[in-house]
Amino acid sequence: MIIAKSAKDLDKMRAVGELIAEVREALRAMVNPGLSTLDLNAAAEKMMRDAGAIPTFIGYKPYGMVPFPFAICASVNEQIVHGFSNSRPLEEGDIISLDMACTLNGFVGDTAMTLPVGEVTDELKQLIRVTEECLDLGIQASRVNNRVGDIGWAIQQHADKFGYGIVRDYTGHGIGRSMHEAPQIPNYGRPGTKERIRAGYCFAIEPMLNLGTHETRTLSDKWTVVTMDGKASAHAEHTIAVTADGPEILTLTKEQKKQRLNDQTAMAAV
């Protein structure tokens, strides 16, 4: 069952969304060659706990798996999602996907981004850009009376233009008091199919695109998911709320919300 959020619930979702967005942007500023993913994990956990939040990923144990041990998922190059932090320094030319969530006042905010480490190839720059564009398109499709299949289709039709492998083994999802709620939101699909979207629904939209095949495998740590062909992957994610006026991105900082409002006002005036 998809759980619609009340006005009070949405206020709490906004608060946790802003917090995890601040963590994301702090990590964005840190990523450079020579830094380790353990450094990033430690910084993220400290920011969450200092703000009175719980790092949602730590101890997460779905489907009888071993508990996840880190505050963030740090996935480098061919790693798609759920990457373990380690002491290896990031290298010029790498790309890194950082996925993070925290719980505050009983509600969860979940967000992800893929960043270049120093200077990267044009091929990797395009992969990151298109993944972010797919996220934007999926968000725009998250409207009252649309269907979940419309979200997947919006993502798929753009990714297909570039020949990217769309990960099928992992999906977006509903979110609220739990990190993973109904419905599952695949990054592919047919328009007009699956669940009807209502006001108050909150989703984590998260396209994952690969340079090569969509096929995946899981490493021996039981968590880290990599591309089957060893080619690079990118991941982007926002937590959103569906409102009568359209989708609201919850995982933005206060400054990003102001900038977005200014941009929308300027566009309306044209």
Protein backbone atom coordinates (compact mmCIF):
# COMPACT_ATOMS: atom_id res chain seq x y z
CA MET A 1 0.00 0.00 0.00
CA ILE A 2 1.30 3.46 -0.92
CA ILE A 3 1.22 5.78 2.10
CA ALA A 4 0.13 9.36 1.43
CA LYS A 5 1.75 11.88 3.76
CA SER A 6 -0.16 14.47 5.78
CA ALA A 7 0.77 18.16 5.86
CA LYS A 8 2.60 17.58 9.18
CA ASP A 9 4.41 14.58 7.71
CA LEU A 10 5.53 16.66 4.74
CA ASP A 11 6.96 19.34 7.03
CA LYS A 12 9.10 16.66 8.64
CA MET A 13 10.07 15.29 5.23
CA ARG A 14 11.17 18.78 4.21
CA ALA A 15 13.32 19.11 7.32
CA VAL A 16 15.12 15.82 6.84
CA GLY A 17 15.41 16.48 3.10
CA GLU A 18 17.16 19.79 3.73
CA LEU A 19 19.51 18.15 6.19
CA ILE A 20 20.61 15.33 3.92
CA ALA A 21 20.98 17.85 1.08
CA GLU A 22 23.40 19.85 3.24
CA VAL A 23 25.41 16.67 3.83
CA ARG A 24 25.41 15.91 0.10
CA GLU A 25 26.66 19.38 -0.80
CA ALA A 26 29.38 19.24 1.86
CA LEU A 27 30.62 15.97 0.38
CA ARG A 28 30.46 17.44 -3.12
CA ALA A 29 32.94 20.12 -2.01
CA MET A 30 35.27 17.50 -0.51
CA VAL A 31 35.67 15.14 -3.48
CA ASN A 32 39.17 15.45 -4.92
CA PRO A 33 42.03 13.15 -5.94
CA GLY A 34 43.80 11.75 -2.89
CA LEU A 35 40.77 11.70 -0.62
CA SER A 36 39.47 8.30 0.48
CA THR A 37 35.86 7.18 0.65
CA LEU A 38 36.43 6.44 4.35
CA ASP A 39 37.13 10.16 4.78
CA LEU A 40 33.84 10.98 3.05
CA ASN A 41 31.96 8.44 5.14
CA ALA A 42 33.34 9.81 8.40
CA ALA A 43 32.45 13.38 7.45
CA ALA A 44 28.91 12.39 6.45
CA GLU A 45 28.26 10.42 9.63
CA LYS A 46 29.53 13.27 11.80
CA MET A 47 27.31 15.84 10.06
CA MET A 48 24.24 13.63 10.43
CA ARG A 49 24.81 12.87 14.10
CA ASP A 50 25.77 16.45 14.96
CA ALA A 51 22.39 17.52 13.55
CA GLY A 52 20.58 15.00 15.73
CA ALA A 53 19.84 12.61 12.86
CA ILE A 54 20.44 8.88 12.52
CA PRO A 55 22.49 7.58 9.54
CA THR A 56 19.79 5.37 8.03
CA PHE A 57 22.15 3.08 6.14
CA ILE A 58 24.15 1.91 9.16
CA GLY A 59 22.84 -1.48 10.23
CA TYR A 60 20.30 -1.62 7.38
CA LYS A 61 19.58 -5.30 6.82
CA PRO A 62 16.99 -6.12 4.14
CA TYR A 63 15.99 -9.62 3.15
CA GLY A 64 18.23 -11.33 5.69
CA MET A 65 21.42 -9.74 4.33
CA VAL A 66 24.39 -8.78 6.47
CA PRO A 67 23.93 -5.30 8.02
CA PHE A 68 25.31 -2.43 5.95
CA PRO A 69 28.25 -0.95 7.91
CA PHE A 70 28.56 2.61 6.58
CA ALA A 71 26.71 5.94 6.65
CA ILE A 72 26.99 6.36 2.87
CA CYS A 73 27.28 4.16 -0.17
CA ALA A 74 30.44 5.14 -2.04
CA SER A 75 30.54 3.52 -5.49
CA VAL A 76 33.54 4.20 -7.74
CA ASN A 77 33.70 3.76 -11.54
CA GLU A 78 32.09 0.39 -12.41
CA GLN A 79 30.40 0.18 -9.01
CA ILE A 80 26.71 1.02 -9.42
CA VAL A 81 25.32 1.16 -5.89
CA HIS A 82 25.97 0.03 -2.30
CA GLY A 83 29.74 0.48 -2.50
CA PHE A 84 31.75 0.02 0.70
CA SER A 85 34.00 2.85 1.88
CA ASN A 86 37.73 2.06 2.02
CA SER A 87 41.12 3.70 2.43
CA ARG A 88 42.08 3.75 -1.28
CA PRO A 89 42.66 7.33 -2.39
CA LEU A 90 40.42 8.52 -5.20
CA GLU A 91 42.34 9.04 -8.42
CA GLU A 92 42.16 11.67 -11.13
CA GLY A 93 39.75 10.42 -13.79
CA ASP A 94 37.58 8.35 -11.45
CA ILE A 95 33.89 8.99 -11.04
CA ILE A 96 32.20 8.39 -7.69
CA SER A 97 28.53 7.90 -6.83
CA LEU A 98 27.63 8.94 -3.29
CA ASP A 99 24.27 7.73 -1.97
CA MET A 100 23.18 8.79 1.53
CA ALA A 101 20.14 8.86 3.80
CA CYS A 102 19.34 9.98 7.31
CA THR A 103 16.37 9.77 9.66
CA LEU A 104 15.17 12.82 11.59
CA ASN A 105 12.01 13.00 13.71
CA GLY A 106 10.91 9.64 12.36
CA PHE A 107 11.20 10.42 8.62
CA VAL A 108 13.85 9.60 6.03
CA GLY A 109 15.56 11.73 3.37
CA ASP A 110 17.48 9.90 0.63
CA THR A 111 19.67 11.43 -2.08
CA ALA A 112 22.56 10.54 -4.40
CA MET A 113 24.90 12.15 -6.91
CA THR A 114 27.75 11.11 -9.19
CA LEU A 115 30.81 13.33 -9.34
CA PRO A 116 33.99 13.49 -11.42
CA VAL A 117 37.23 13.18 -9.50
CA GLY A 118 39.38 15.89 -11.01
CA GLU A 119 39.30 15.90 -14.79
CA VAL A 120 37.45 13.02 -16.47
CA THR A 121 36.77 12.00 -20.04
CA ASP A 122 34.01 13.57 -22.11
CA GLU A 123 32.35 10.16 -22.19
CA LEU A 124 32.07 10.13 -18.40
CA LYS A 125 30.97 13.77 -18.25
CA GLN A 126 28.12 12.94 -20.61
CA LEU A 127 27.11 9.87 -18.58
CA ILE A 128 26.84 11.99 -15.43
CA ARG A 129 24.95 14.76 -17.22
CA VAL A 130 22.43 12.44 -18.86
CA THR A 131 21.81 10.63 -15.57
CA GLU A 132 20.97 13.97 -13.95
CA GLU A 133 18.72 14.85 -16.90
CA CYS A 134 16.93 11.52 -16.50
CA LEU A 135 16.39 12.32 -12.82
CA ASP A 136 14.84 15.68 -13.75
CA LEU A 137 12.55 14.02 -16.30
CA GLY A 138 11.47 11.35 -13.82
CA ILE A 139 10.66 14.03 -11.26
CA GLN A 140 8.61 16.03 -13.78
CA ALA A 141 6.58 12.90 -14.59
CA SER A 142 5.70 12.49 -10.89
CA ARG A 143 2.40 14.32 -11.08
CA VAL A 144 -1.09 13.77 -9.74
CA ASN A 145 -3.06 11.30 -11.92
CA ASN A 146 0.02 10.16 -13.82
CA ARG A 147 1.13 6.60 -13.21
CA VAL A 148 4.35 5.10 -11.94
CA GLY A 149 5.02 3.71 -15.41
CA ASP A 150 5.14 7.29 -16.69
CA ILE A 151 8.15 7.96 -14.45
CA GLY A 152 10.07 4.98 -15.77
CA TRP A 153 9.17 5.85 -19.35
CA ALA A 154 10.36 9.45 -18.95
CA ILE A 155 13.72 8.17 -17.74
CA GLN A 156 14.01 5.36 -20.28
CA GLN A 157 13.20 7.36 -23.40
CA HIS A 158 16.01 9.83 -22.60
CA ALA A 159 18.60 7.22 -21.59
CA ASP A 160 17.84 5.19 -24.72
CA LYS A 161 18.85 8.13 -26.92
CA PHE A 162 22.42 7.66 -25.70
CA GLY A 163 22.48 3.86 -25.75
CA TYR A 164 23.06 3.54 -22.01
CA GLY A 165 22.28 0.40 -20.06
CA ILE A 166 19.42 1.12 -17.66
CA VAL A 167 19.88 -0.85 -14.44
CA ARG A 168 16.89 -3.12 -13.92
CA ASP A 169 17.86 -4.97 -10.75
CA TYR A 170 17.53 -1.87 -8.53
CA THR A 171 14.80 0.76 -8.56
CA GLY A 172 13.49 3.93 -7.03
CA HIS A 173 10.90 3.61 -4.28
CA GLY A 174 8.38 5.20 -2.01
CA ILE A 175 9.80 6.79 1.12
CA GLY A 176 8.61 8.23 4.43
CA ARG A 177 8.86 6.71 7.89
CA SER A 178 10.78 3.89 6.23
CA MET A 179 13.53 4.27 3.66
CA HIS A 180 11.86 1.80 1.32
CA GLU A 181 8.09 2.00 1.01
CA ALA A 182 5.72 1.11 -1.81
CA PRO A 183 5.78 1.50 -4.73
CA GLN A 184 8.88 0.29 -6.52
CA ILE A 185 9.75 2.79 -9.26
CA PRO A 186 11.75 1.19 -12.10
CA ASN A 187 13.84 3.41 -14.36
CA TYR A 188 12.11 1.98 -17.42
CA GLY A 189 8.50 1.24 -18.23
CA ARG A 190 5.44 1.93 -20.31
CA PRO A 191 3.38 5.11 -19.99
CA GLY A 192 -0.06 4.74 -18.45
CA THR A 193 0.85 1.61 -16.47
CA LYS A 194 1.28 0.68 -12.80
CA GLU A 195 -0.01 2.62 -9.78
CA ARG A 196 -1.83 5.95 -10.13
CA ILE A 197 0.00 8.85 -8.47
CA ARG A 198 -1.82 10.84 -5.78
CA ALA A 199 -1.05 14.05 -3.87
CA GLY A 200 0.89 13.31 -0.70
CA TYR A 201 2.92 10.46 -2.14
CA CYS A 202 6.67 10.73 -1.54
CA PHE A 203 9.12 9.05 -3.87
CA ALA A 204 12.87 8.54 -4.14
CA ILE A 205 13.54 8.79 -7.87
CA GLU A 206 16.98 7.37 -8.74
CA PRO A 207 18.11 6.57 -12.28
CA MET A 208 21.19 4.36 -12.58
CA LEU A 209 22.78 4.30 -16.03
CA ASN A 210 25.70 2.25 -17.31
CA LEU A 211 28.03 2.95 -20.22
CA GLY A 212 27.57 -0.65 -21.33
CA THR A 213 25.28 -3.49 -20.38
CA HIS A 214 22.45 -3.10 -17.88
CA GLU A 215 23.48 -6.41 -16.29
CA THR A 216 24.92 -6.42 -12.77
CA ARG A 217 26.69 -8.65 -10.28
CA THR A 218 27.30 -8.38 -6.55
CA LEU A 219 30.78 -8.60 -5.01
CA SER A 220 31.80 -10.94 -2.19
CA ASP A 221 30.99 -8.32 0.47
CA LYS A 222 27.32 -9.15 -0.38
CA TRP A 223 26.51 -5.48 -0.98
CA THR A 224 28.63 -3.76 -3.65
CA VAL A 225 26.91 -3.97 -7.04
CA VAL A 226 29.04 -3.59 -10.18
CA THR A 227 28.43 -3.61 -13.91
CA MET A 228 28.80 -7.03 -15.48
CA ASP A 229 31.15 -5.70 -18.18
CA GLY A 230 33.26 -3.49 -15.90
CA LYS A 231 32.18 -0.24 -17.59
CA ALA A 232 31.35 2.88 -15.59
CA SER A 233 27.99 3.64 -14.01
CA ALA A 234 26.31 6.83 -12.73
CA HIS A 235 23.51 7.34 -10.19
CA ALA A 236 21.45 10.39 -9.21
CA GLU A 237 18.60 10.63 -6.70
CA HIS A 238 16.21 13.06 -5.05
CA THR A 239 13.43 12.56 -2.54
CA ILE A 240 10.29 14.30 -3.79
CA ALA A 241 6.74 14.96 -2.66
CA VAL A 242 3.82 14.91 -5.10
CA THR A 243 1.61 17.98 -4.59
CA ALA A 244 -1.42 19.37 -6.38
CA ASP A 245 0.90 22.00 -7.88
CA GLY A 246 3.42 19.46 -9.14
CA PRO A 247 6.45 17.62 -7.74
CA GLU A 248 8.39 19.24 -4.90
CA ILE A 249 12.04 18.28 -4.51
CA LEU A 250 12.65 17.77 -0.80
CA THR A 251 16.39 17.07 -0.92
CA LEU A 252 17.52 20.61 -1.70
CA THR A 253 19.36 22.96 0.62
CA LYS A 254 17.68 26.23 1.63
CA GLU A 255 19.93 28.06 -0.81
CA GLN A 256 19.09 25.66 -3.64
CA LYS A 257 15.36 26.09 -2.94
CA LYS A 258 15.72 29.88 -3.16
CA GLN A 259 17.63 29.59 -6.43
CA ARG A 260 15.06 27.19 -7.85
CA LEU A 261 12.24 29.57 -6.92
CA ASN A 262 14.07 32.48 -8.52
CA ASP A 263 14.63 30.46 -11.70
CA GLN A 264 10.97 29.47 -11.86
CA THR A 265 9.88 33.08 -11.33
CA ALA A 266 12.19 34.26 -14.08
CA MET A 267 10.90 31.61 -16.49
CA ALA A 268 7.28 32.53 -15.73
CA ALA A 269 8.04 36.16 -16.55
CA VAL A 270 9.39 35.35 -20.03
